[in-house]
Structures are given as structure tokens and as C-alpha cells.
Amino acid sequence: MKFSSALSLVAGLVAISEAAPSTSVVESRALPLVQSNQLRRVLLRSELLKKGQILEDFAYSWSGRNRLIGTIGHNKTVNYLYDTLVATGYYDVAFQKFLISTPINETFTVGNSSYETVAMAFSEAGKVTAPIVKVANLGCDAADFPDLTGKIALISRGSCTFVIKASFAEAAGALGTVIYNNVSPGVIAGSGEGDFGPVLSITLTDGQALVAKLATGATVIGTMNVDIDSITTYNVIAETKGGDHNNVLMLGAHTDSVEAGPGINDNGSGSIGILEVALQLTKFSVNNAVRFGWWSGEEEGLLGATYYVENLSAAESAKIRLYMNFDMIASPNFVYQIYDGDGSSFGTSGAPGSAELEHLWEAYFPTEAGLAFDSTAFDGRSDYGPFLDAGIPAGGLTSGADEVKTPEQQAIFGGTAGIILDPNYHTAQDTLKNLNVGVWVQMTKGIAHAVATYARSWEGFPTRVTKRDASVSTVYKPTRKGGLWIS
């Protein structure tokens, strides 16, 4: 079901509360200072599965069978997180409301044939009818593009981002861009930013059929149409009442799925992983405040995390010593991946402190968990990106999305080389039964180790080096309550 159809169902959902954070006081009792082994010990497989089932039930509670922003499935997710955290009395909890412009009612037709399609999050609105031209190679270099003036570019997915492909197509004069998948089944929804006209995705099978038809020399006319609508959605922010609020450890995960399915690995796994750590942390005290963020609109282009970061004052930004992100931590064809914070593997590093976080996990996985690990590119693809851009030290863990497993990785981690790390990525099969629960447990324990370490002490961690705050949005006017900025 398309997003516009989902909007009419939201009216039946109890409106999301915009109440101020809870002012209840944690029960007066002596709590032991958090320790890694003790926090990891109380994290249970059964609790992850129970909460995963809750999110899947939210997705299946309406006809769209997903947790796309603005739908019943996503709003129930957000309310559940808020209510669960408030009930602990351990956190100050807030909603952060913001508006998203998102593509709806996307269509792609050739003659009388309608194709399965989805609009990229950065797609502009518009209707285009024009001849289709196949772009050479993977469309990752300007030389791949002929003169596309007045044409629709047809490009294979692969190697570079959708934004790069669309930007080259637009520069070559294309009126619109169609990107076909390089794996089966399904279409792929991509995020990013840019003004490139309508940008749609189609399946591998449909893309190959169009390529074959164009190879005969036939003129193929396509029509692509994208409408845009605005949706109100919410981040959830929770911060420990205890600890030093001038030296905050922050971690986050996104709450929304794509339209295709319930999104239980992407990113129910990360959302639940950090929720379970947050709930078990209530058994302990902390020296440094710990702040959790559950972001909306990641699938539309990291919008929730971007909104949060862009609306921090310079003083509030400087209080965040480190941000950690967790997106897809239960992939079935997994690799235990640590973001390359020091740039030694992929050449892109983060602010001082990013390397130290990477090294913390590089020591933890083999020595404490008895597990191998691999590096993954620190390219801003998930919600840590806005924090990197703001000069905040960052890092995270993931078990992989659409990267193809190499034979070398297969030898170390098992699984199947030659297919992507989550074969259910952005499909209706991204369900609880298709997760690797053992990986989920180990990744959640890895999260807990970092939380316990930095909630105790910043010893050995670099002093924050802050950027001058040149521009803060004047649209969002936050109010200070309980250690949080809330709308």
C-alpha cells in the first residue's frame, strides 16, 4: 500500500503525546556503579525476542504491514518507547516533533506496463515522460553518462551511492533517473540529499528487461511520476537523571522501516538493542549521564538525527562527548562490523574520540566475547552522519546490510559468500524469524560494554574539540527541561 493510503489510517490512532518529560524521582536506594560484566549479564535473549515481537505486531496491526513514518505501525513504536522509558522513573524522556517532506504515489510505466517502484527519499516531485537511455557501467563516473538532455537515465545499482548516480544524470541533462536493483527480489529505497528531479527504483528483473529492449535499438518511452507530502513525526530522547550532564554519552538507533516490510532487523534490532540496554541500566548508577535517541525518518535521509543535531546549541553540542549508533545488528549472513573511526581501513576518520571507541570494541570482541570482527566504512550512511558533520566523536556497530559477503569473510564468520549480509534487506521478509538472534545478543552486549565503560569514566578519552556554531535553526525553538531539549 502506498504511503498516501496509510495516512488516512493514522487518524484512528491515539495522538502521540507531547507532554513534558517525566518528573518522577528514581526510588531512593543505593545503586551499584555500572560495570560492563554486570550490565552484560542481565541482557537476555528472551527480552530481545519479546520486544522484537512487539514491533512486528505493530507493523502487522494495519494493512500496510510496516512501520513507515506517519503510519500506525511507526506511531505505535514511538509511543511504546516513550511509555516504556517513562515507566522506569530513571530517565527524563521527551518527544521531539518535526516535519518531513516525503515522496508518495510514485509510479513508473512503459507503454501499458506498470512497474513495481519506489521513490528515493531525496526524489523531487514531478511527472516526466521521455525516452529511456541506459547509462554505461554503474554510473559512478561522469564519463559513464552520454548527453541525456530530455531523457530518463536508466542505471544499475552498485558501487556508489544513489545520490552520486542521480547527480551525474542530472548534470548530463536527464529529466529523471531510474535505478534498477542488482539483486533479487524487490526494489531498493535509498536515502540522501539533493535536487535531481524524480528518482525511482525498480527491480532487477524489470531493469534487465528494459536493458535488453534498449539493446535492440528500440526507442523506449517511460513515464515516471512522484508526488510529495508532509508528515509530522517524532524522535524519542531519554537521558539518565543521574550522572554528569556536562559530559554526556549518547547513543541512538532509528525507529522507522521502509514501506516494503516490518523492518525488524532494519532497524528494530538496533532500536530494541539500545532499549534493552537502557532498561537494564536502571539497575545501576552512572558517573556520566547517558542519553538515548530513537530517530525517525532515517529511511528518508537521516532526517530525525539531522534535525536533532542541527537544533542543538553550541553549548549543548559540546556536552556530548561521544555518539554511538546501532543500525542492523542481527543480520542473518552477518559480519561483526565496527565503524572505522580511525580511518585506518577506509581512509575516513571521525573527530578525536572516534578512534578510541573503535579501539575499545577491537579489544572487547576478541578478548571478552571471543569473537572476530571486521571494519566497515565510516561514510555517514546511517544516523551517526549528522554527528560526524557537527564534529562530535562517533562510531557504532552493525552486522551488515547490502554489502556482499566476501570469501574471506565467509572463512572467518561463516555464512554464504557472494550474497548480501542481509538478504531480507528492505523487503517484506525482514521479520523476527529471519534474524540471527545470537548475533543480536552479542551486538547488544557490545553496546552494553561501551555504555558501562563511558558511563563510569572518560579517563583516557580525548577532550572534546568543538566547531564554532555558525548557524542554528531559528524555526525550532526548544525548551530546556530535565537535561533535554524538547519541543
Protein backbone atom coordinates (compact mmCIF):
# COMPACT_ATOMS: atom_id res chain seq x y z
CA MET A 1 0.00 0.00 0.00
CA LYS A 2 1.28 3.43 -0.88
CA PHE A 3 2.01 5.97 1.81
CA SER A 4 -0.94 8.22 0.92
CA SER A 5 -3.31 5.35 1.67
CA ALA A 6 -1.66 4.84 5.03
CA LEU A 7 -2.20 8.42 6.12
CA SER A 8 -5.97 8.03 6.42
CA LEU A 9 -5.46 5.27 8.98
CA VAL A 10 -3.38 7.40 11.31
CA ALA A 11 -6.43 9.34 12.45
CA GLY A 12 -7.63 6.23 14.25
CA LEU A 13 -4.51 6.12 16.40
CA VAL A 14 -4.47 7.90 19.73
CA ALA A 15 -2.49 11.08 19.14
CA ILE A 16 1.14 10.98 20.15
CA SER A 17 1.60 12.75 23.46
CA GLU A 18 3.70 15.89 23.53
CA ALA A 19 3.85 16.03 27.30
CA ALA A 20 6.90 17.32 29.13
CA PRO A 21 9.37 14.72 30.37
CA SER A 22 8.51 12.72 33.44
CA THR A 23 9.34 14.50 36.70
CA SER A 24 9.10 11.37 38.83
CA VAL A 25 12.11 10.72 41.04
CA VAL A 26 14.01 7.47 40.96
CA GLU A 27 13.36 5.42 44.08
CA SER A 28 15.87 6.40 46.74
CA ARG A 29 18.15 3.39 47.02
CA ALA A 30 21.83 2.70 46.69
CA LEU A 31 22.58 1.51 43.18
CA PRO A 32 25.95 -0.04 42.35
CA LEU A 33 28.08 1.84 39.85
CA VAL A 34 27.65 0.26 36.43
CA GLN A 35 30.22 -2.32 35.36
CA SER A 36 30.49 -3.93 31.96
CA ASN A 37 30.31 -7.57 33.04
CA GLN A 38 27.34 -6.94 35.34
CA LEU A 39 25.37 -4.97 32.74
CA ARG A 40 26.08 -7.55 30.04
CA ARG A 41 25.00 -10.37 32.35
CA VAL A 42 21.44 -9.05 32.74
CA LEU A 43 20.80 -8.74 28.99
CA LEU A 44 18.58 -11.64 27.95
CA ARG A 45 17.86 -13.21 24.58
CA SER A 46 14.24 -13.72 25.65
CA GLU A 47 13.75 -9.99 26.22
CA LEU A 48 15.11 -9.07 22.79
CA LEU A 49 12.77 -11.59 21.16
CA LYS A 50 9.78 -10.42 23.18
CA LYS A 51 10.34 -6.81 22.18
CA GLY A 52 11.02 -7.79 18.59
CA GLN A 53 7.63 -9.49 18.51
CA ILE A 54 6.03 -6.30 19.84
CA LEU A 55 7.46 -4.27 16.95
CA GLU A 56 6.43 -6.89 14.40
CA ASP A 57 2.92 -6.87 15.84
CA PHE A 58 2.85 -3.08 15.49
CA ALA A 59 3.76 -3.42 11.81
CA TYR A 60 1.13 -6.09 11.21
CA SER A 61 -1.58 -4.19 13.10
CA TRP A 62 -2.57 -2.37 9.92
CA SER A 63 -2.87 -3.25 6.24
CA GLY A 64 0.48 -1.72 5.22
CA ARG A 65 2.34 -4.30 7.36
CA ASN A 66 5.24 -1.92 8.02
CA ARG A 67 6.49 0.76 10.39
CA LEU A 68 6.93 3.52 7.82
CA ILE A 69 6.93 7.06 9.22
CA GLY A 70 3.45 8.55 9.65
CA THR A 71 1.73 5.17 9.83
CA ILE A 72 0.05 3.37 12.69
CA GLY A 73 2.92 0.90 12.86
CA HIS A 74 5.51 3.61 13.39
CA ASN A 75 3.43 5.74 15.74
CA LYS A 76 2.80 2.70 17.94
CA THR A 77 6.55 2.08 18.00
CA VAL A 78 7.27 5.63 19.12
CA ASN A 79 4.58 5.59 21.80
CA TYR A 80 5.81 2.23 23.10
CA LEU A 81 9.36 3.52 23.51
CA TYR A 82 8.20 6.67 25.27
CA ASP A 83 5.84 4.89 27.66
CA THR A 84 8.33 2.13 28.48
CA LEU A 85 11.08 4.60 29.33
CA VAL A 86 8.87 6.93 31.37
CA ALA A 87 7.69 3.97 33.45
CA THR A 88 11.23 3.36 34.71
CA GLY A 89 11.42 6.69 36.54
CA TYR A 90 15.14 6.57 35.79
CA TYR A 91 15.07 8.84 32.74
CA ASP A 92 13.85 12.23 31.65
CA VAL A 93 12.00 11.41 28.46
CA ALA A 94 10.78 13.65 25.65
CA PHE A 95 9.30 13.62 22.19
CA GLN A 96 10.91 15.86 19.59
CA LYS A 97 8.41 16.72 16.87
CA PHE A 98 9.42 17.65 13.33
CA LEU A 99 8.01 17.73 9.82
CA ILE A 100 9.16 15.52 6.95
CA SER A 101 8.50 16.01 3.25
CA THR A 102 8.40 12.58 1.68
CA PRO A 103 7.59 11.05 -1.72
CA ILE A 104 4.19 9.39 -2.14
CA ASN A 105 2.16 7.92 -5.03
CA GLU A 106 5.24 7.10 -7.10
CA THR A 107 4.63 5.32 -10.43
CA PHE A 108 6.74 4.18 -13.38
CA THR A 109 5.18 2.98 -16.62
CA VAL A 110 6.38 2.00 -20.07
CA GLY A 111 3.57 1.82 -22.58
CA ASN A 112 0.73 -0.08 -20.91
CA SER A 113 3.02 -1.76 -18.37
CA SER A 114 3.25 -0.53 -14.77
CA TYR A 115 6.40 -1.41 -12.85
CA GLU A 116 6.97 -2.10 -9.19
CA THR A 117 8.74 1.03 -7.99
CA VAL A 118 9.69 3.13 -5.01
CA ALA A 119 10.91 6.72 -4.90
CA MET A 120 14.25 7.58 -3.37
CA ALA A 121 13.92 9.68 -0.23
CA PHE A 122 15.64 12.59 -1.99
CA SER A 123 13.41 12.43 -5.07
CA GLU A 124 11.72 15.64 -6.12
CA ALA A 125 8.08 15.79 -7.13
CA GLY A 126 7.26 15.77 -10.80
CA LYS A 127 5.93 13.90 -13.82
CA VAL A 128 8.30 13.06 -16.67
CA THR A 129 7.61 11.31 -19.99
CA ALA A 130 10.74 10.82 -22.08
CA PRO A 131 12.92 8.29 -23.90
CA ILE A 132 14.93 5.97 -21.65
CA VAL A 133 18.71 5.75 -22.08
CA LYS A 134 20.92 3.09 -20.46
CA VAL A 135 23.93 4.58 -18.65
CA ALA A 136 27.26 2.79 -19.11
CA ASN A 137 28.83 0.70 -16.35
CA LEU A 138 27.42 1.53 -12.90
CA GLY A 139 27.02 5.26 -13.38
CA CYS A 140 29.66 6.13 -10.79
CA ASP A 141 31.77 8.32 -13.07
CA ALA A 142 30.80 11.31 -15.20
CA ALA A 143 32.33 9.51 -18.21
CA ASP A 144 29.62 6.84 -17.96
CA PHE A 145 26.96 9.35 -18.97
CA PRO A 146 26.13 10.39 -22.54
CA ASP A 147 24.20 13.57 -23.29
CA LEU A 148 20.90 12.88 -21.53
CA THR A 149 19.15 16.15 -22.33
CA GLY A 150 15.42 15.48 -22.31
CA LYS A 151 15.91 11.81 -21.42
CA ILE A 152 15.37 9.42 -18.49
CA ALA A 153 18.57 7.79 -17.22
CA LEU A 154 18.48 4.04 -16.53
CA ILE A 155 21.30 2.97 -14.18
CA SER A 156 22.25 -0.24 -12.37
CA ARG A 157 22.57 -0.18 -8.62
CA GLY A 158 26.09 -0.81 -7.33
CA SER A 159 29.46 0.57 -6.13
CA CYS A 160 28.46 4.20 -5.44
CA THR A 161 25.52 5.88 -3.77
CA PHE A 162 22.17 6.59 -5.40
CA VAL A 163 22.83 10.31 -4.88
CA ILE A 164 26.05 10.13 -6.91
CA LYS A 165 24.27 8.34 -9.76
CA ALA A 166 21.37 10.81 -9.77
CA SER A 167 23.68 13.83 -9.57
CA PHE A 168 25.68 12.69 -12.60
CA ALA A 169 22.44 12.01 -14.50
CA GLU A 170 21.11 15.47 -13.68
CA ALA A 171 24.41 17.07 -14.73
CA ALA A 172 24.13 15.22 -18.07
CA GLY A 173 20.69 16.77 -18.62
CA ALA A 174 18.41 13.92 -17.54
CA LEU A 175 14.85 14.82 -16.61
CA GLY A 176 14.66 11.87 -14.22
CA THR A 177 16.58 8.82 -13.06
CA VAL A 178 15.54 5.17 -12.73
CA ILE A 179 17.90 2.86 -10.81
CA TYR A 180 17.36 -0.89 -11.12
CA ASN A 181 18.32 -3.30 -8.35
CA ASN A 182 21.34 -5.59 -8.66
CA VAL A 183 19.85 -8.36 -6.51
CA SER A 184 16.51 -10.15 -6.43
CA PRO A 185 13.82 -9.80 -5.34
CA GLY A 186 12.33 -6.36 -4.80
CA VAL A 187 13.16 -2.70 -5.16
CA ILE A 188 15.53 -0.68 -3.02
CA ALA A 189 14.71 2.61 -1.30
CA GLY A 190 17.70 4.91 -0.90
CA SER A 191 18.31 7.96 1.25
CA GLY A 192 20.36 11.09 0.80
CA GLU A 193 20.02 14.72 -0.18
CA GLY A 194 19.91 16.57 -3.47
CA ASP A 195 17.76 18.20 -6.15
CA PHE A 196 17.83 15.82 -9.09
CA GLY A 197 14.23 15.62 -10.28
CA PRO A 198 12.22 12.41 -9.88
CA VAL A 199 14.39 9.43 -8.88
CA LEU A 200 12.82 5.95 -8.78
CA SER A 201 13.99 2.38 -8.17
CA ILE A 202 12.78 -0.74 -10.00
CA THR A 203 13.53 -4.47 -9.69
CA LEU A 204 16.50 -6.29 -11.21
CA THR A 205 14.20 -8.30 -13.48
CA ASP A 206 12.44 -5.20 -14.83
CA GLY A 207 15.72 -3.34 -15.23
CA GLN A 208 17.32 -6.15 -17.19
CA ALA A 209 14.26 -6.44 -19.43
CA LEU A 210 14.49 -2.72 -20.27
CA VAL A 211 18.23 -3.01 -20.93
CA ALA A 212 17.60 -5.92 -23.31
CA LYS A 213 14.92 -3.96 -25.17
CA LEU A 214 17.15 -0.91 -25.49
CA ALA A 215 19.96 -3.13 -26.81
CA THR A 216 17.81 -3.92 -29.88
CA GLY A 217 17.87 -0.25 -30.81
CA ALA A 218 14.21 0.29 -29.97
CA THR A 219 13.05 3.64 -28.62
CA VAL A 220 11.53 3.05 -25.19
CA ILE A 221 9.38 5.81 -23.70
CA GLY A 222 8.90 5.85 -19.95
CA THR A 223 6.68 7.89 -17.66
CA MET A 224 7.68 8.50 -14.05
CA ASN A 225 5.59 10.38 -11.51
CA VAL A 226 6.29 11.32 -7.90
CA ASP A 227 4.11 13.30 -5.52
CA ILE A 228 5.40 14.81 -2.25
CA ASP A 229 3.54 15.11 1.06
CA SER A 230 4.41 16.40 4.54
CA ILE A 231 4.22 14.23 7.64
CA THR A 232 4.63 15.05 11.32
CA THR A 233 6.83 12.55 13.11
CA TYR A 234 8.81 12.21 16.34
CA ASN A 235 12.19 11.40 17.80
CA VAL A 236 12.26 9.98 21.33
CA ILE A 237 15.02 11.22 23.64
CA ALA A 238 15.76 9.82 27.11
CA GLU A 239 18.52 10.88 29.49
CA THR A 240 19.51 9.43 32.84
CA LYS A 241 18.51 11.62 35.76
CA GLY A 242 21.84 10.81 37.36
CA GLY A 243 25.38 11.44 36.15
CA ASP A 244 27.30 14.43 34.87
CA HIS A 245 25.10 16.20 32.33
CA ASN A 246 28.03 18.23 31.05
CA ASN A 247 29.83 15.09 29.85
CA VAL A 248 27.16 13.04 28.13
CA LEU A 249 27.48 9.66 26.44
CA MET A 250 24.85 9.46 23.69
CA LEU A 251 23.70 6.51 21.63
CA GLY A 252 20.92 6.02 19.14
CA ALA A 253 19.09 3.91 16.57
CA HIS A 254 16.33 4.61 14.07
CA THR A 255 12.75 3.50 14.63
CA ASP A 256 11.26 3.60 11.12
CA SER A 257 11.07 0.91 8.46
CA VAL A 258 10.75 1.16 4.70
CA GLU A 259 7.37 0.62 3.06
CA ALA A 260 8.20 -2.92 1.94
CA GLY A 261 8.09 -4.62 5.33
CA PRO A 262 8.17 -4.51 9.14
CA GLY A 263 11.87 -3.68 9.40
CA ILE A 264 12.77 -5.93 12.31
CA ASN A 265 16.48 -6.06 11.51
CA ASP A 266 16.41 -2.63 9.85
CA ASN A 267 16.16 -1.26 12.40
CA GLY A 268 14.05 -2.94 15.04
CA SER A 269 17.22 -4.75 16.10
CA GLY A 270 19.09 -1.54 16.90
CA SER A 271 16.08 0.17 18.48
CA ILE A 272 15.41 -2.79 20.75
CA GLY A 273 19.09 -3.39 21.46
CA ILE A 274 19.58 0.08 22.90
CA LEU A 275 16.16 -0.05 24.63
CA GLU A 276 17.14 -3.22 26.46
CA VAL A 277 20.45 -1.66 27.50
CA ALA A 278 18.54 1.41 28.71
CA LEU A 279 16.15 -0.72 30.76
CA GLN A 280 18.87 -2.81 32.36
CA LEU A 281 20.99 0.27 33.06
CA THR A 282 18.30 1.30 35.60
CA LYS A 283 19.77 -1.32 37.96
CA PHE A 284 22.96 0.75 38.23
CA SER A 285 24.22 4.26 38.90
CA VAL A 286 26.33 6.26 36.44
CA ASN A 287 29.04 8.88 36.82
CA ASN A 288 28.35 10.37 33.38
CA ALA A 289 24.86 10.97 32.07
CA VAL A 290 23.73 8.62 29.31
CA ARG A 291 21.37 9.91 26.63
CA PHE A 292 19.47 7.64 24.23
CA GLY A 293 17.98 8.80 20.93
CA TRP A 294 15.45 6.88 18.84
CA TRP A 295 15.40 8.59 15.45
CA SER A 296 12.56 8.88 12.98
CA GLY A 297 12.97 9.41 9.26
CA GLU A 298 16.29 7.61 8.79
CA GLU A 299 14.99 5.82 5.72
CA GLU A 300 14.04 9.18 4.22
CA GLY A 301 17.59 10.53 4.57
CA LEU A 302 18.75 10.57 8.25
CA LEU A 303 16.15 13.25 8.88
CA GLY A 304 15.46 12.73 12.59
CA ALA A 305 19.10 12.63 13.62
CA THR A 306 19.87 15.59 11.36
CA TYR A 307 17.04 17.60 12.89
CA TYR A 308 18.24 16.81 16.38
CA VAL A 309 21.86 17.76 15.73
CA GLU A 310 21.07 20.90 13.77
CA ASN A 311 18.91 22.20 16.61
CA LEU A 312 21.49 21.77 19.34
CA SER A 313 23.08 24.97 20.55
CA ALA A 314 26.86 25.11 20.53
CA ALA A 315 26.88 24.68 24.31
CA GLU A 316 24.61 21.62 24.21
CA SER A 317 26.54 20.05 21.36
CA ALA A 318 29.77 20.44 23.33
CA LYS A 319 28.32 18.42 26.21
CA ILE A 320 28.08 15.30 24.03
CA ARG A 321 31.44 13.61 24.47
CA LEU A 322 30.59 10.70 22.15
CA TYR A 323 27.73 9.44 19.98
CA MET A 324 27.32 5.72 19.20
CA ASN A 325 24.97 4.39 16.50
CA PHE A 326 23.45 0.94 16.02
CA ASP A 327 21.70 0.08 12.77
CA MET A 328 21.02 -3.55 11.73
CA ILE A 329 22.67 -5.67 14.43
CA ALA A 330 21.01 -9.05 13.73
CA SER A 331 21.78 -9.73 10.06
CA PRO A 332 21.42 -13.41 9.06
CA ASN A 333 24.53 -13.52 6.82
CA PHE A 334 26.36 -11.34 9.32
CA VAL A 335 29.79 -9.89 9.88
CA TYR A 336 30.62 -8.29 13.24
CA GLN A 337 31.47 -4.83 11.94
CA ILE A 338 32.96 -1.85 13.78
CA TYR A 339 32.91 1.58 12.13
CA ASP A 340 36.39 2.64 11.03
CA GLY A 341 36.73 5.59 13.42
CA ASP A 342 40.48 5.97 12.99
CA GLY A 343 40.34 5.78 9.19
CA SER A 344 42.95 3.05 9.02
CA SER A 345 40.85 0.75 6.81
CA PHE A 346 38.79 3.10 4.63
CA GLY A 347 40.55 6.46 4.93
CA THR A 348 37.77 8.46 6.58
CA SER A 349 38.07 9.15 10.30
CA GLY A 350 35.88 10.94 12.81
CA ALA A 351 36.54 13.65 15.38
CA PRO A 352 39.01 12.82 18.18
CA GLY A 353 37.40 10.09 20.26
CA SER A 354 36.06 8.16 17.25
CA ALA A 355 39.27 6.14 17.06
CA GLU A 356 39.21 5.44 20.79
CA LEU A 357 35.70 4.00 20.54
CA GLU A 358 36.74 1.76 17.65
CA HIS A 359 39.74 0.54 19.63
CA LEU A 360 37.53 -0.16 22.67
CA TRP A 361 35.47 -2.64 20.64
CA GLU A 362 38.51 -4.03 18.85
CA ALA A 363 39.80 -5.02 22.28
CA TYR A 364 36.42 -6.18 23.57
CA PHE A 365 35.26 -8.57 20.83
CA PRO A 366 38.24 -10.96 20.78
CA THR A 367 39.12 -10.81 24.47
CA GLU A 368 35.76 -10.53 26.26
CA ALA A 369 33.39 -12.08 23.71
CA GLY A 370 35.78 -14.43 21.89
CA LEU A 371 34.62 -13.13 18.53
CA ALA A 372 36.31 -11.93 15.36
CA PHE A 373 35.45 -8.53 13.93
CA ASP A 374 35.87 -6.53 10.73
CA SER A 375 35.93 -2.83 9.89
CA THR A 376 33.22 -1.05 7.93
CA ALA A 377 33.36 2.29 6.16
CA PHE A 378 32.75 5.38 8.25
CA ASP A 379 30.87 7.01 5.38
CA GLY A 380 27.93 8.67 7.15
CA ARG A 381 25.38 6.26 5.71
CA SER A 382 23.40 5.92 8.96
CA ASP A 383 22.36 8.26 11.77
CA TYR A 384 25.89 8.89 13.01
CA GLY A 385 26.45 11.00 9.87
CA PRO A 386 24.96 14.26 11.23
CA PHE A 387 27.00 13.88 14.41
CA LEU A 388 30.19 13.46 12.37
CA ASP A 389 29.30 16.55 10.36
CA ALA A 390 28.93 18.52 13.61
CA GLY A 391 32.37 17.46 14.83
CA ILE A 392 31.02 15.13 17.52
CA PRO A 393 33.08 11.94 18.06
CA ALA A 394 31.08 8.98 16.82
CA GLY A 395 31.11 5.31 15.96
CA GLY A 396 29.00 2.21 16.14
CA LEU A 397 28.39 -1.42 15.36
CA THR A 398 26.49 -3.13 12.55
CA SER A 399 26.17 -6.68 11.24
CA GLY A 400 25.68 -5.52 7.65
CA ALA A 401 23.05 -4.54 5.10
CA ASP A 402 23.50 -4.85 1.33
CA GLU A 403 27.26 -5.41 1.22
CA VAL A 404 28.18 -8.70 -0.48
CA LYS A 405 29.99 -11.16 1.81
CA THR A 406 33.48 -11.96 0.60
CA PRO A 407 35.07 -15.42 0.63
CA GLU A 408 37.50 -14.10 3.25
CA GLN A 409 34.61 -13.04 5.48
CA GLN A 410 32.91 -16.38 4.95
CA ALA A 411 36.05 -18.16 6.16
CA ILE A 412 36.02 -16.09 9.36
CA PHE A 413 32.31 -15.62 10.14
CA GLY A 414 30.62 -18.46 8.27
CA GLY A 415 27.52 -17.81 6.20
CA THR A 416 27.46 -17.53 2.42
CA ALA A 417 29.91 -15.62 0.25
CA GLY A 418 28.57 -13.89 -2.83
CA ILE A 419 25.28 -12.74 -1.32
CA ILE A 420 24.50 -9.67 0.77
CA LEU A 421 24.83 -9.66 4.55
CA ASP A 422 21.07 -9.30 4.99
CA PRO A 423 19.26 -10.96 2.08
CA ASN A 424 15.98 -9.62 3.53
CA TYR A 425 17.15 -6.01 3.48
CA HIS A 426 14.28 -3.63 2.65
CA THR A 427 11.86 -6.47 1.88
CA ALA A 428 8.74 -7.98 3.45
CA GLN A 429 10.97 -10.81 4.72
CA ASP A 430 12.73 -8.54 7.25
CA THR A 431 10.92 -10.28 10.09
CA LEU A 432 11.70 -11.66 13.54
CA LYS A 433 12.08 -15.24 12.29
CA ASN A 434 14.75 -14.16 9.81
CA LEU A 435 17.10 -12.53 12.35
CA ASN A 436 20.30 -14.07 13.61
CA VAL A 437 19.40 -13.85 17.29
CA GLY A 438 22.81 -14.98 18.50
CA VAL A 439 24.42 -12.06 16.67
CA TRP A 440 21.76 -9.75 18.09
CA VAL A 441 22.63 -10.83 21.63
CA GLN A 442 26.37 -10.40 21.09
CA MET A 443 25.97 -6.97 19.50
CA THR A 444 23.73 -5.83 22.35
CA LYS A 445 26.36 -6.96 24.83
CA GLY A 446 28.92 -4.97 22.82
CA ILE A 447 26.69 -1.91 23.20
CA ALA A 448 26.45 -2.52 26.93
CA HIS A 449 30.23 -2.76 27.25
CA ALA A 450 30.74 0.67 25.71
CA VAL A 451 27.89 2.19 27.76
CA ALA A 452 29.27 0.81 31.01
CA THR A 453 32.80 1.94 30.17
CA TYR A 454 31.98 5.57 29.40
CA ALA A 455 29.16 5.91 31.93
CA ARG A 456 31.80 5.15 34.56
CA SER A 457 34.65 7.32 33.28
CA TRP A 458 36.07 9.32 30.39
CA GLU A 459 39.60 8.52 31.53
CA GLY A 460 41.91 8.28 28.52
CA PHE A 461 39.25 9.72 26.21
CA PRO A 462 40.17 12.90 24.28
CA THR A 463 38.81 16.27 25.34
CA ARG A 464 36.03 17.44 23.04
CA VAL A 465 37.19 19.70 20.24
CA THR A 466 34.14 21.70 19.17
CA LYS A 467 33.28 23.51 15.98
CA ARG A 468 32.14 27.12 16.17
CA ASP A 469 28.35 27.10 15.92
CA ALA A 470 27.86 29.26 12.84
CA SER A 471 24.17 28.63 12.27
CA VAL A 472 21.42 27.15 14.41
CA SER A 473 17.90 26.81 13.04
CA THR A 474 15.56 29.62 14.01
CA VAL A 475 12.50 27.53 13.19
CA TYR A 476 12.76 25.12 16.08
CA LYS A 477 12.50 26.80 19.50
CA PRO A 478 13.35 24.21 22.14
CA THR A 479 12.64 24.44 25.85
CA ARG A 480 15.11 23.22 28.46
CA LYS A 481 13.66 20.63 30.86
CA GLY A 482 15.25 17.81 32.79
CA GLY A 483 18.52 17.86 30.88
CA LEU A 484 16.84 17.66 27.45
CA TRP A 485 15.79 19.93 24.65
CA ILE A 486 12.13 19.29 23.88
CA SER A 487 9.56 20.80 21.56
